[in-house]
Amino acid sequence: MEPKYKRVLLKLSGEALAGDQHFGINEEMTHKVALQVKEIVDAGVQVAVVVGGGNFWRGRSSKTMDRATADYIGMMATVMNAVALQDAFEAVGIEARVQTALEIREVAEPYARRKALSHLDEGKVVIFGAGTGSPFFSTDTTAALRAAEMNAEVILFAKNIDAVYSDDPATNPDAIRYTELTHTDVLEKNLKVMDSTAAALCRDNNIAIHVFGLAEEGNVMKAVCGEAIGTIVR
């Protein structure tokens, strides 16, 4: 298989890293992710990663906590996931660097666009933690922002669901499964691919989005090669 893209941004949900245990970090799952990333790195693709923190903390579920405080806790949850991914990547022979939007110099580099671009050009995987560094923005928006800053050709949304649906297929058996959408479709139909800020940012910067299931082995390579899995948003 021949890669369709030279540089991609892989968006991983925190829930996907939890695997079947639904909380925390499942080391078997991070190892599987690392092997899939190694496959595309070995094919010459430059990879940046944005990871969520929902396997540790979902601040928007809180009814009493200040929203900004909840979001900062969520940012720190993403840093734990980023460091775990770095370890998993290095264990399979991938050079990886973590950059965080909140400074935690003992465990990660502070985010610097030019440094990140340099790492990518050298073949290292760059993992972005701590979201945008500001509350009220999701890691979906971080993915869109970093994809634009890194000049990525596509955002690969690796989820624990295999495509974009009109409704939750787990609760609605009549939910429609989409194979192709536009950014405007996502916004107008209020589809839960990503939040509206992220979708608008991708639309305005002409960044394609490929949504697919992470659990199936080889799906990251299939997406990078442009195979018709999951849902494409352009």
Foldseek 3Di string as FASTA:
>chain_A
DAFPWQEEEEEEELQQQCPPVSADGDLVSLLLVLVLVVVVLVNNHQYEYEYWQNNHADLVVDPPDDQFVRLQVRLVSRVVVQLSSCVSNVVVPAAEFEEECDDPPVRHHHDDLVVCLVCRVVSHYYYYTSQNVGTPDGSLLSSLVVCLSNVGQAYEYAYQDAAWWLDPCVVDVPIHFAQEEELVCCVVSVTVPDDNNSSVSCNVSVHKYFYGYPPDRNVSVCVSRVHRTYHIYD
